[in-house]
Protein backbone atom coordinates (compact mmCIF):
# COMPACT_ATOMS: atom_id res chain seq x y z
CA UNK A 1 -54.41 -50.63 -19.09
CA UNK A 2 -52.95 -51.64 -15.85
CA UNK A 3 -49.76 -53.48 -14.75
CA UNK A 4 -49.80 -57.11 -14.17
CA UNK A 5 -48.16 -58.59 -11.05
CA UNK A 6 -45.74 -60.40 -13.17
CA UNK A 7 -44.46 -57.27 -15.00
CA UNK A 8 -46.58 -57.71 -18.09
CA UNK A 9 -49.71 -55.94 -19.34
CA UNK A 10 -53.23 -57.25 -18.82
CA UNK A 11 -56.29 -55.88 -20.88
CA UNK A 12 -58.83 -54.22 -18.74
CA UNK A 13 -62.29 -55.03 -20.09
CA UNK A 14 -63.43 -57.00 -23.05
CA UNK A 15 -60.98 -56.33 -25.92
CA UNK A 16 -62.08 -58.36 -28.85
CA UNK A 17 -63.46 -61.47 -26.89
CA UNK A 18 -60.00 -62.54 -25.70
CA UNK A 19 -60.58 -65.94 -23.85
CA UNK A 20 -60.51 -65.61 -20.23
CA UNK A 21 -61.13 -61.78 -20.33
CA UNK A 22 -64.02 -59.88 -18.74
CA UNK A 23 -67.39 -60.56 -20.27
CA UNK A 24 -70.14 -57.94 -20.60
CA UNK A 25 -72.56 -57.99 -17.58
CA UNK A 26 -74.20 -55.99 -14.87
CA UNK A 27 -71.97 -53.89 -12.72
CA UNK A 28 -70.58 -55.47 -9.64
CA UNK A 29 -72.68 -54.93 -6.45
CA UNK A 30 -71.55 -53.66 -2.99
CA UNK A 31 -73.12 -54.39 0.38
CA UNK A 32 -76.34 -52.38 0.78
CA UNK A 33 -76.96 -49.72 3.49
CA UNK A 34 -79.33 -52.11 5.18
CA UNK A 35 -76.46 -54.42 5.93
CA UNK A 36 -77.77 -57.16 3.64
CA UNK A 37 -75.33 -58.97 1.38
CA UNK A 38 -76.11 -58.53 -2.25
CA UNK A 39 -77.50 -61.50 -4.11
CA UNK A 40 -74.40 -61.45 -6.49
CA UNK A 41 -70.78 -61.68 -5.49
CA UNK A 42 -68.41 -58.86 -6.54
CA UNK A 43 -67.14 -59.48 -9.89
CA UNK A 44 -69.53 -62.42 -10.74
CA UNK A 45 -71.04 -62.49 -14.21
CA UNK A 46 -74.37 -64.24 -14.94
CA UNK A 47 -74.24 -67.14 -17.45
CA UNK A 48 -72.88 -70.54 -17.54
CA UNK A 49 -70.62 -71.82 -15.07
CA UNK A 50 -67.17 -70.38 -15.18
CA UNK A 51 -64.63 -72.26 -17.21
CA UNK A 52 -61.06 -72.92 -16.06
CA UNK A 53 -59.18 -69.74 -17.12
CA UNK A 54 -56.65 -70.26 -19.88
CA UNK A 55 -53.05 -70.52 -18.92
CA UNK A 56 -51.65 -67.09 -17.99
CA UNK A 57 -55.24 -65.50 -17.30
CA UNK A 58 -56.24 -64.25 -13.84
CA UNK A 59 -58.31 -66.62 -11.76
CA UNK A 60 -60.21 -64.95 -9.00
CA UNK A 61 -59.55 -67.94 -6.70
CA UNK A 62 -55.85 -67.48 -7.12
CA UNK A 63 -55.78 -63.94 -5.27
CA UNK A 64 -56.28 -60.31 -5.48
CA UNK A 65 -57.48 -58.38 -8.65
CA UNK A 66 -54.57 -57.56 -11.11
CA UNK A 67 -54.40 -53.85 -10.13
CA UNK A 68 -53.83 -54.57 -6.60
CA UNK A 69 -50.16 -53.89 -5.43
CA UNK A 70 -47.94 -56.93 -6.21
CA UNK A 71 -44.44 -57.95 -5.04
CA UNK A 72 -42.04 -56.83 -7.81
CA UNK A 73 -40.70 -59.46 -10.02
CA UNK A 74 -37.45 -59.14 -11.89
CA UNK A 75 -37.78 -58.90 -15.57
CA UNK A 76 -35.01 -60.23 -17.81
CA UNK A 77 -34.99 -56.69 -19.36
CA UNK A 78 -34.31 -54.99 -16.06
CA UNK A 79 -30.42 -55.08 -16.32
CA UNK A 80 -30.49 -53.37 -19.61
CA UNK A 81 -32.69 -50.46 -18.32
CA UNK A 82 -30.50 -49.95 -15.18
CA UNK A 83 -27.28 -49.97 -17.42
CA UNK A 84 -28.93 -47.30 -19.62
CA UNK A 85 -29.79 -45.19 -16.63
CA UNK A 86 -26.24 -45.36 -15.28
CA UNK A 87 -24.89 -44.42 -18.79
CA UNK A 88 -27.26 -41.48 -18.79
CA UNK A 89 -25.99 -40.36 -15.47
CA UNK A 90 -22.36 -40.58 -16.59
CA UNK A 91 -23.19 -38.59 -19.49
CA UNK A 92 -24.85 -35.88 -17.51
CA UNK A 93 -21.91 -35.77 -15.06
CA UNK A 94 -19.42 -35.52 -17.83
CA UNK A 95 -21.49 -32.54 -19.20
CA UNK A 96 -21.46 -30.66 -15.90
CA UNK A 97 -25.15 -31.15 -15.30
CA UNK A 98 -25.28 -33.84 -12.61
CA UNK A 99 -26.56 -31.50 -9.95
CA UNK A 100 -29.88 -31.30 -11.99
CA UNK A 101 -30.50 -34.89 -11.11
CA UNK A 102 -30.49 -34.08 -7.44
CA UNK A 103 -33.61 -31.93 -7.34
CA UNK A 104 -33.97 -28.68 -5.23
CA UNK A 105 -33.21 -30.35 -2.03
CA UNK A 106 -29.83 -29.69 -0.36
CA UNK A 107 -28.50 -31.17 2.83
CA UNK A 108 -25.71 -30.67 5.25
CA UNK A 109 -24.55 -33.65 7.45
CA UNK A 110 -27.81 -35.33 6.59
CA UNK A 111 -30.04 -32.35 7.58
CA UNK A 112 -31.95 -30.38 5.00
CA UNK A 113 -30.72 -26.82 4.18
CA UNK A 114 -33.23 -24.21 5.08
CA UNK A 115 -33.97 -21.55 2.47
CA UNK A 116 -30.81 -22.22 0.30
CA UNK A 117 -31.75 -19.24 -1.98
CA UNK A 118 -31.60 -16.88 1.01
CA UNK A 119 -28.12 -18.30 1.71
CA UNK A 120 -26.94 -17.62 -1.88
CA UNK A 121 -28.48 -14.11 -1.60
CA UNK A 122 -26.62 -13.40 1.66
CA UNK A 123 -23.40 -14.71 0.17
CA UNK A 124 -23.67 -12.44 -2.82
CA UNK A 125 -24.31 -9.48 -0.51
CA UNK A 126 -21.15 -10.26 1.41
CA UNK A 127 -19.31 -10.70 -1.84
CA UNK A 128 -20.45 -7.31 -3.15
CA UNK A 129 -19.49 -5.55 -0.03
CA UNK A 130 -16.06 -7.21 0.01
CA UNK A 131 -15.39 -6.45 -3.56
CA UNK A 132 -16.32 -2.82 -3.16
CA UNK A 133 -14.15 -2.46 -0.05
CA UNK A 134 -11.11 -3.75 -1.95
CA UNK A 135 -11.96 -1.73 -5.05
CA UNK A 136 -12.38 -4.92 -7.02
CA UNK A 137 -14.57 -5.70 -10.21
CA UNK A 138 -17.54 -7.96 -10.77
CA UNK A 139 -20.03 -8.53 -13.51
CA UNK A 140 -23.65 -9.48 -14.03
CA UNK A 141 -22.58 -13.11 -14.13
CA UNK A 142 -20.92 -12.83 -10.80
CA UNK A 143 -22.70 -15.09 -8.18
CA UNK A 144 -22.24 -17.66 -5.30
CA UNK A 145 -22.71 -21.45 -5.51
CA UNK A 146 -23.18 -24.35 -3.04
CA UNK A 147 -20.64 -27.17 -3.48
CA UNK A 148 -21.54 -30.75 -3.01
CA UNK A 149 -19.19 -32.96 -1.13
CA UNK A 150 -19.13 -35.53 -3.86
CA UNK A 151 -21.03 -36.44 -7.05
CA UNK A 152 -23.21 -39.08 -5.12
CA UNK A 153 -24.56 -37.07 -2.32
CA UNK A 154 -26.92 -34.18 -1.72
CA UNK A 155 -24.77 -32.94 1.27
CA UNK A 156 -22.99 -29.64 0.71
CA UNK A 157 -19.67 -28.31 2.00
CA UNK A 158 -19.48 -25.52 4.62
CA UNK A 159 -18.71 -22.60 2.24
CA UNK A 160 -19.91 -20.90 -0.86
CA UNK A 161 -17.93 -20.58 -4.00
CA UNK A 162 -18.34 -16.86 -5.32
CA UNK A 163 -17.12 -15.27 -8.48
CA UNK A 164 -15.88 -14.31 -10.86
CA UNK A 165 -14.26 -11.14 -9.35
CA UNK A 166 -10.93 -9.39 -10.19
CA UNK A 167 -8.81 -7.15 -8.03
CA UNK A 168 -5.98 -4.85 -8.76
CA UNK A 169 -3.23 -6.83 -10.61
CA UNK A 170 -5.39 -9.86 -10.42
CA UNK A 171 -5.05 -13.10 -12.59
CA UNK A 172 -7.84 -13.61 -14.96
CA UNK A 173 -7.64 -17.41 -14.52
CA UNK A 174 -8.07 -17.16 -10.70
CA UNK A 175 -11.34 -15.28 -9.91
CA UNK A 176 -13.21 -17.33 -7.32
CA UNK A 177 -13.45 -16.69 -3.55
CA UNK A 178 -14.71 -19.06 -0.87
CA UNK A 179 -17.02 -17.74 1.91
CA UNK A 180 -17.29 -19.87 4.96
CA UNK A 181 -20.83 -21.08 6.23
CA UNK A 182 -21.57 -21.54 9.83
CA UNK A 183 -24.35 -24.12 10.28
CA UNK A 184 -26.95 -23.87 13.13
CA UNK A 185 -27.02 -26.57 15.95
CA UNK A 186 -29.87 -28.86 16.68
CA UNK A 187 -31.54 -31.54 14.81
CA UNK A 188 -33.88 -29.59 12.56
CA UNK A 189 -33.23 -28.10 9.16
CA UNK A 190 -29.78 -26.42 8.92
CA UNK A 191 -29.64 -22.55 8.90
CA UNK A 192 -26.48 -21.23 7.32
CA UNK A 193 -24.81 -18.02 8.49
CA UNK A 194 -22.46 -16.52 5.62
CA UNK A 195 -19.06 -14.99 6.77
CA UNK A 196 -18.49 -11.35 5.84
CA UNK A 197 -15.06 -12.06 4.41
CA UNK A 198 -13.71 -15.01 2.36
CA UNK A 199 -11.51 -17.76 3.72
CA UNK A 200 -8.48 -16.22 1.73
CA UNK A 201 -8.25 -12.93 0.15
CA UNK A 202 -6.49 -14.43 -3.01
CA UNK A 203 -9.00 -15.67 -5.65
CA UNK A 204 -8.42 -19.25 -6.82
CA UNK A 205 -9.17 -20.94 -10.20
CA UNK A 206 -12.58 -22.53 -10.39
CA UNK A 207 -12.49 -26.25 -9.68
CA UNK A 208 -15.05 -29.04 -9.57
CA UNK A 209 -17.53 -27.06 -11.67
CA UNK A 210 -19.80 -30.25 -11.79
CA UNK A 211 -20.23 -30.05 -7.87
CA UNK A 212 -21.65 -26.53 -7.89
CA UNK A 213 -25.22 -25.88 -7.57
CA UNK A 214 -27.72 -23.18 -6.70
CA UNK A 215 -31.55 -23.22 -6.50
CA UNK A 216 -32.13 -21.33 -9.57
CA UNK A 217 -30.01 -23.63 -11.66
CA UNK A 218 -27.51 -21.05 -12.86
CA UNK A 219 -24.13 -22.14 -13.63
CA UNK A 220 -20.72 -20.34 -13.21
CA UNK A 221 -19.37 -18.60 -16.32
CA UNK A 222 -16.32 -19.77 -18.15
CA UNK A 223 -13.20 -18.08 -16.83
CA UNK A 224 -13.40 -14.34 -16.04
CA UNK A 225 -15.74 -13.63 -18.83
CA UNK A 226 -15.50 -9.97 -19.92
CA UNK A 227 -13.93 -8.98 -16.52
CA UNK A 228 -10.58 -7.01 -16.48
CA UNK A 229 -8.50 -6.12 -13.47
CA UNK A 230 -9.40 -2.69 -12.22
CA UNK A 231 -7.07 0.30 -12.02
CA UNK A 232 -5.63 1.22 -8.57
CA UNK A 233 -7.90 3.42 -6.46
CA UNK A 234 -7.29 7.22 -6.74
CA UNK A 235 -5.60 8.90 -3.89
CA UNK A 236 -7.21 11.91 -2.24
CA UNK A 237 -5.95 15.41 -3.38
CA UNK A 238 -2.73 16.15 -1.37
CA UNK A 239 -2.32 12.53 -0.38
CA UNK A 240 1.04 11.89 1.31
CA UNK A 241 2.80 8.65 2.38
CA UNK A 242 6.03 7.52 3.75
CA UNK A 243 8.21 4.96 1.69
CA UNK A 244 10.06 3.08 0.76
CA UNK A 245 8.56 2.68 -2.62
CA UNK A 246 10.32 -0.28 -4.18
CA UNK A 247 8.56 0.04 -7.52
CA UNK A 248 9.75 3.73 -8.04
CA UNK A 249 13.24 4.46 -9.48
CA UNK A 250 14.56 7.57 -7.96
CA UNK A 251 17.29 9.59 -9.80
CA UNK A 252 19.81 11.86 -8.02
CA UNK A 253 19.16 15.60 -8.51
CA UNK A 254 21.74 17.88 -10.22
CA UNK A 255 23.50 20.44 -7.98
CA UNK A 256 24.14 20.28 -4.38
CA UNK A 257 20.71 19.79 -3.10
CA UNK A 258 21.80 20.19 0.39
CA UNK A 259 21.23 22.52 3.30
CA UNK A 260 22.80 22.72 6.78
CA UNK A 261 21.75 24.36 9.96
CA UNK A 262 22.52 24.54 13.42
CA UNK A 263 21.51 21.00 14.27
CA UNK A 264 20.93 19.10 11.00
CA UNK A 265 22.27 18.65 7.42
CA UNK A 266 19.59 17.54 4.94
CA UNK A 267 20.48 16.24 1.53
CA UNK A 268 17.96 15.28 -1.22
CA UNK A 269 19.31 12.01 -2.75
CA UNK A 270 16.62 11.15 -5.15
CA UNK A 271 13.56 12.38 -7.10
CA UNK A 272 10.82 10.87 -9.32
CA UNK A 273 7.36 11.52 -10.75
CA UNK A 274 5.04 8.46 -11.14
CA UNK A 275 1.36 7.79 -11.94
CA UNK A 276 1.14 4.75 -9.75
CA UNK A 277 2.65 3.17 -6.61
CA UNK A 278 2.43 -0.16 -4.90
CA UNK A 279 0.79 -3.49 -6.00
CA UNK A 280 -2.54 -5.14 -5.38
CA UNK A 281 -4.77 -3.73 -2.84
CA UNK A 282 -2.02 -1.33 -1.73
CA UNK A 283 -1.63 0.28 -5.18
CA UNK A 284 -2.62 3.85 -5.63
CA UNK A 285 -2.83 6.33 -8.47
CA UNK A 286 -2.75 10.09 -8.03
CA UNK A 287 -5.81 12.27 -7.55
CA UNK A 288 -7.41 13.37 -10.74
CA UNK A 289 -5.36 16.08 -12.25
CA UNK A 290 -2.30 15.34 -10.03
CA UNK A 291 0.95 13.33 -10.14
CA UNK A 292 2.88 11.55 -7.51
CA UNK A 293 6.20 13.41 -6.45
CA UNK A 294 8.32 10.84 -4.90
CA UNK A 295 11.54 11.85 -3.13
CA UNK A 296 14.32 10.56 -0.83
CA UNK A 297 16.61 12.60 1.48
CA UNK A 298 19.12 11.84 4.35
CA UNK A 299 19.66 13.50 7.60
CA UNK A 300 22.99 14.16 9.34
CA UNK A 301 24.26 16.48 12.08
CA UNK A 302 24.64 20.12 11.24
CA UNK A 303 27.71 22.24 11.46
CA UNK A 304 26.33 24.49 14.12
CA UNK A 305 26.00 23.86 17.92
CA UNK A 306 22.34 23.30 18.36
CA UNK A 307 21.07 20.36 20.35
CA UNK A 308 17.27 20.48 19.38
CA UNK A 309 16.11 18.37 16.52
CA UNK A 310 14.89 20.38 13.43
CA UNK A 311 11.25 20.38 12.34
CA UNK A 312 10.60 19.06 8.87
CA UNK A 313 7.52 19.63 6.67
CA UNK A 314 6.35 19.45 2.92
CA UNK A 315 4.84 22.53 1.36
CA UNK A 316 2.95 22.81 -1.90
CA UNK A 317 2.79 26.08 -3.90
CA UNK A 318 3.62 28.10 -0.69
CA UNK A 319 0.45 26.74 1.10
CA UNK A 320 -0.26 24.84 4.17
CA UNK A 321 2.60 22.53 5.37
CA UNK A 322 2.38 18.71 6.05
CA UNK A 323 4.59 17.94 8.99
CA UNK A 324 7.03 15.00 8.77
CA UNK A 325 6.76 12.40 11.39
CA UNK A 326 9.30 13.59 14.05
CA UNK A 327 10.25 9.86 14.66
CA UNK A 328 11.75 9.83 11.19
CA UNK A 329 13.98 12.90 11.95
CA UNK A 330 17.13 11.37 13.47
CA UNK A 331 20.77 11.73 12.61
CA UNK A 332 21.73 9.10 9.95
CA UNK A 333 18.22 8.53 8.78
CA UNK A 334 17.20 8.04 5.29
CA UNK A 335 13.58 9.10 4.51
CA UNK A 336 11.45 8.44 1.49
CA UNK A 337 8.18 10.38 0.99
CA UNK A 338 5.48 11.01 -1.51
CA UNK A 339 2.95 13.62 -2.35
CA UNK A 340 -0.03 13.80 -4.76
CA UNK A 341 0.21 17.35 -6.29
CA UNK A 342 -0.69 19.17 -9.42
CA UNK A 343 1.89 18.45 -12.05
CA UNK A 344 3.28 22.08 -12.27
CA UNK A 345 3.16 22.57 -8.53
CA UNK A 346 6.13 23.81 -6.59
CA UNK A 347 6.95 21.25 -3.80
CA UNK A 348 9.36 22.05 -1.07
CA UNK A 349 10.87 20.29 1.81
CA UNK A 350 10.97 22.97 4.61
CA UNK A 351 13.52 22.59 7.50
CA UNK A 352 13.26 24.78 10.45
CA UNK A 353 16.50 24.43 12.54
CA UNK A 354 16.94 26.98 15.35
CA UNK A 355 16.67 30.53 14.11
CA UNK A 356 16.98 29.49 10.39
CA UNK A 357 14.26 28.32 7.90
CA UNK A 358 15.58 26.62 4.85
CA UNK A 359 14.12 24.73 1.86
CA UNK A 360 14.91 22.20 -0.77
CA UNK A 361 12.90 21.65 -3.95
CA UNK A 362 11.32 18.10 -4.15
CA UNK A 363 11.05 18.69 -7.92
CA UNK A 364 14.72 19.27 -8.89
CA UNK A 365 16.45 19.46 -5.49
CA UNK A 366 17.51 23.07 -5.82
CA UNK A 367 17.97 25.18 -2.52
CA UNK A 368 15.64 27.89 -1.59
CA UNK A 369 16.58 31.65 -2.04
CA UNK A 370 16.86 32.08 1.82
CA UNK A 371 19.23 29.13 2.36
CA UNK A 372 22.59 29.61 3.92
CA UNK A 373 24.84 29.41 0.90
CA UNK A 374 28.17 28.86 2.65
CA UNK A 375 26.90 25.80 4.36
CA UNK A 376 26.57 24.09 0.98
CA UNK A 377 30.23 24.74 -0.04
CA UNK A 378 32.64 21.85 0.08
CA UNK A 379 35.81 24.07 0.10
CA UNK A 380 35.82 26.64 2.75
CA UNK A 381 39.40 26.46 4.13
CA UNK A 382 42.11 28.89 2.88
CA UNK A 383 45.45 27.66 1.66
CA UNK A 384 48.38 28.07 4.11
CA UNK A 385 49.63 31.66 4.43
CA UNK A 386 53.39 32.45 5.11
CA UNK A 387 54.42 34.36 8.17
CA UNK A 388 55.84 37.89 7.76
CA UNK A 389 57.88 40.34 10.04
CA UNK A 390 57.36 44.05 10.72
CA UNK A 391 59.03 46.53 13.05
CA UNK A 392 57.05 48.15 15.83
CA UNK A 393 57.27 49.89 19.15
CA UNK A 394 55.67 49.22 22.58
CA UNK A 395 54.92 52.12 24.82
CA UNK A 396 53.18 52.51 28.11
CA UNK A 397 52.67 55.24 30.76
CA UNK A 398 55.77 55.59 32.97
CA UNK A 399 57.61 53.18 30.76
CA UNK A 400 60.31 53.57 28.22
CA UNK A 401 59.18 53.20 24.50
CA UNK A 402 60.83 50.13 23.24
CA UNK A 403 61.25 48.84 19.41
CA UNK A 404 60.67 45.32 18.56
CA UNK A 405 60.53 43.25 15.54
CA UNK A 406 57.17 41.36 15.42
CA UNK A 407 56.40 38.21 13.50
CA UNK A 408 52.83 38.13 12.25
CA UNK A 409 51.37 34.71 11.46
CA UNK A 410 47.89 33.97 9.99
CA UNK A 411 47.63 30.49 11.32
CA UNK A 412 44.29 29.70 9.57
CA UNK A 413 41.54 31.39 7.59
CA UNK A 414 38.26 29.72 6.85
CA UNK A 415 34.52 30.46 5.77
CA UNK A 416 31.77 29.74 8.05
CA UNK A 417 28.24 30.77 9.25
CA UNK A 418 28.48 29.38 12.72
CA UNK A 419 31.91 30.64 13.88
CA UNK A 420 32.01 29.04 17.33
CA UNK A 421 29.99 28.04 20.44
CA UNK A 422 30.46 31.45 21.98
CA UNK A 423 29.85 33.39 18.88
CA UNK A 424 26.31 34.79 18.43
CA UNK A 425 27.11 37.11 15.49
CA UNK A 426 25.92 36.10 12.03
CA UNK A 427 26.84 37.28 8.52
CA UNK A 428 24.80 40.10 7.09
CA UNK A 429 22.73 37.83 4.84
CA UNK A 430 22.25 34.09 3.87
CA UNK A 431 24.42 34.83 0.76
CA UNK A 432 27.29 36.02 2.94
CA UNK A 433 29.82 34.33 5.19
CA UNK A 434 32.37 35.09 7.86
CA UNK A 435 35.96 34.72 6.74
CA UNK A 436 37.50 34.06 10.22
CA UNK A 437 41.31 34.34 10.73
CA UNK A 438 43.34 32.99 13.55
CA UNK A 439 46.47 35.21 13.92
CA UNK A 440 49.49 35.31 16.33
CA UNK A 441 52.01 38.25 17.11
CA UNK A 442 55.47 37.30 18.44
CA UNK A 443 57.68 40.24 19.62
CA UNK A 444 61.10 38.95 19.41
CA UNK A 445 61.12 36.20 21.88
CA UNK A 446 57.81 36.47 23.56
CA UNK A 447 54.15 36.06 22.21
CA UNK A 448 51.77 38.86 22.22
CA UNK A 449 48.83 36.33 21.49
CA UNK A 450 46.00 36.95 19.08
CA UNK A 451 46.46 40.06 16.98
CA UNK A 452 43.62 42.67 17.66
CA UNK A 453 40.99 43.05 14.84
CA UNK A 454 41.92 46.70 14.65
CA UNK A 455 45.11 45.75 12.80
CA UNK A 456 43.39 43.86 9.97
CA UNK A 457 41.33 44.71 6.97
CA UNK A 458 40.53 42.71 3.72
CA UNK A 459 40.65 43.94 0.25
CA UNK A 460 38.65 42.02 -2.49
CA UNK A 461 39.59 41.60 -6.10
CA UNK A 462 37.18 44.40 -7.22
CA UNK A 463 38.92 46.81 -4.73
CA UNK A 464 36.26 46.68 -2.01
CA UNK A 465 37.78 47.08 1.34
CA UNK A 466 36.07 45.08 4.15
CA UNK A 467 36.85 46.11 7.75
CA UNK A 468 37.49 43.43 10.30
CA UNK A 469 35.14 42.83 13.29
CA UNK A 470 35.41 41.10 16.58
CA UNK A 471 32.62 38.56 16.56
CA UNK A 472 32.89 37.45 20.15
CA UNK A 473 31.02 39.50 22.92
CA UNK A 474 33.31 38.50 25.71
CA UNK A 475 35.99 41.28 26.12
CA UNK A 476 38.49 38.72 27.23
CA UNK A 477 38.37 36.86 23.99
CA UNK A 478 39.16 37.82 20.37
CA UNK A 479 37.79 36.37 17.17
CA UNK A 480 38.71 38.43 13.99
CA UNK A 481 36.39 37.94 10.98
CA UNK A 482 35.39 39.57 7.70
CA UNK A 483 31.83 39.64 6.36
CA UNK A 484 32.44 38.34 2.71
CA UNK A 485 30.31 36.93 -0.18
CA UNK A 486 29.50 33.32 0.41
CA UNK A 487 31.37 32.38 -2.81
CA UNK A 488 34.57 34.14 -1.72
CA UNK A 489 37.68 32.57 -3.22
CA UNK A 490 40.48 35.18 -2.91
CA UNK A 491 41.37 38.62 -1.19
CA UNK A 492 44.28 40.29 0.56
CA UNK A 493 44.43 40.78 4.38
CA UNK A 494 46.27 43.85 5.36
CA UNK A 495 48.10 44.15 8.73
CA UNK A 496 49.17 47.47 10.34
CA UNK A 497 48.32 50.43 12.41
CA UNK A 498 48.21 51.29 16.11
CA UNK A 499 46.34 49.71 18.98
CA UNK A 500 46.03 50.25 22.75
CA UNK A 501 45.65 47.22 24.82
CA UNK A 502 43.27 47.13 27.99
CA UNK A 503 46.27 47.35 30.24
CA UNK A 504 47.24 50.65 28.70
CA UNK A 505 50.19 49.42 26.46
CA UNK A 506 50.35 50.65 22.85
CA UNK A 507 51.73 48.84 20.01
CA UNK A 508 52.40 50.95 16.97
CA UNK A 509 53.44 49.58 13.50
CA UNK A 510 53.16 52.86 11.67
CA UNK A 511 54.01 53.58 8.94
CA UNK A 512 54.46 49.93 7.78
CA UNK A 513 52.01 47.41 6.80
CA UNK A 514 52.01 43.63 5.86
CA UNK A 515 49.93 42.10 2.93
CA UNK A 516 48.70 38.44 3.30
CA UNK A 517 47.10 36.88 0.14
CA UNK A 518 44.33 34.56 1.16
CA UNK A 519 42.86 31.96 -1.19
CA UNK A 520 39.90 29.51 -0.78
CA UNK A 521 39.43 27.10 -3.60
CA UNK A 522 36.03 27.38 -5.41
CA UNK A 523 33.18 24.97 -4.88
């Protein structure tokens, strides 16, 4: 059968003798090779003269044969057919399958897209590298799709929609990234170059699903599928970082947790142990088999007279030390730090300050065994001591021996490790201290100045007698001190004896003595 020019169907050949149809006869002739015309015309049939064709049949005199191309004629059924096709398209769009009607051809600004599958492959390679770099998660359903500009065009936008993927702390309802496409210039087919990173690092919910397409016809999965947000990346063993760490709650340690040296005083203010820090890409978990030790400490000026900044470091189980950034070590600074260490490891803050090296535990804040104990005491000044009088005589070569009544005053007594700018002497151990006294002798109406150390001794409650010592090297100066336990609270200072001054004068208080009780509050 063949189509009629008027849109109906015309029988080809004799079908039951329909009037006006083709009759049986010899085949039509065509011009011979000798150039002569055939004796019969093409399509002529021997027999009686042709009759006028019935109404509606083809008449050779009216024009070309029925199978020749004819101008289309509208049928009264055409609107119904077009309407049905439109309904089908709407149904397909509503079902998210509209892109199937476009075929495999994609365009950009009216130009065909060259090798669209290669563009998708390049996008998925960029996506894989990006997700791996950020420690994200993807699945077998993860891929990239072109996106049409609108439902009624084959032109695509200048990016690929890729997903689903999830990153640390990611939202399962927002799992798609957009990778920009850079089109080639010229008038030929468009060659796309895929960017190495997405437009935004934050995944977005999938929108306009019906506009997404790719050459293999695959469609994006619903939501995140079976994806779950990955755990934070593990830190390297011994990992260290500087805070602050806003998501970690530090607790103040028990005890003093303080050390003090010539230049600096360091106090541990907070401690914590955690299995995670940070959020998103910045989040970290400890190395396998380790925990995060998080700590905070403050720095202030020490009680000595050093001018050089101390050197700080972190030490784990007595091993190698991790230096603290010197820019953090300034008076008044507050520092937060973190170490990834074995859970049972001993972690210390090491402070090298002049000639002294001290430590504080970053597990519980306790001071190290070699720390200067007295520098952590809050109470180091003795209660006032009342003045007392004692008779004595002064003699000198060529002079008359003269008796006087002397008033002896202990103006102050205090515990210290660093006794003064011109004092280089130190107590005998870190658990000891100098009890330094400032005394004054007044003979009747004139002052004899500081009492020489030879006149003084100290008796502890257990009966131990501690001799005095002059802790100043300069012979023109006097500083009387006693080497006592760092936790000293009470003792008795005894005054008496004989002493010859550098000018040859001798002051003798024998046989009398004076006793001065000295008390320093504990703590």
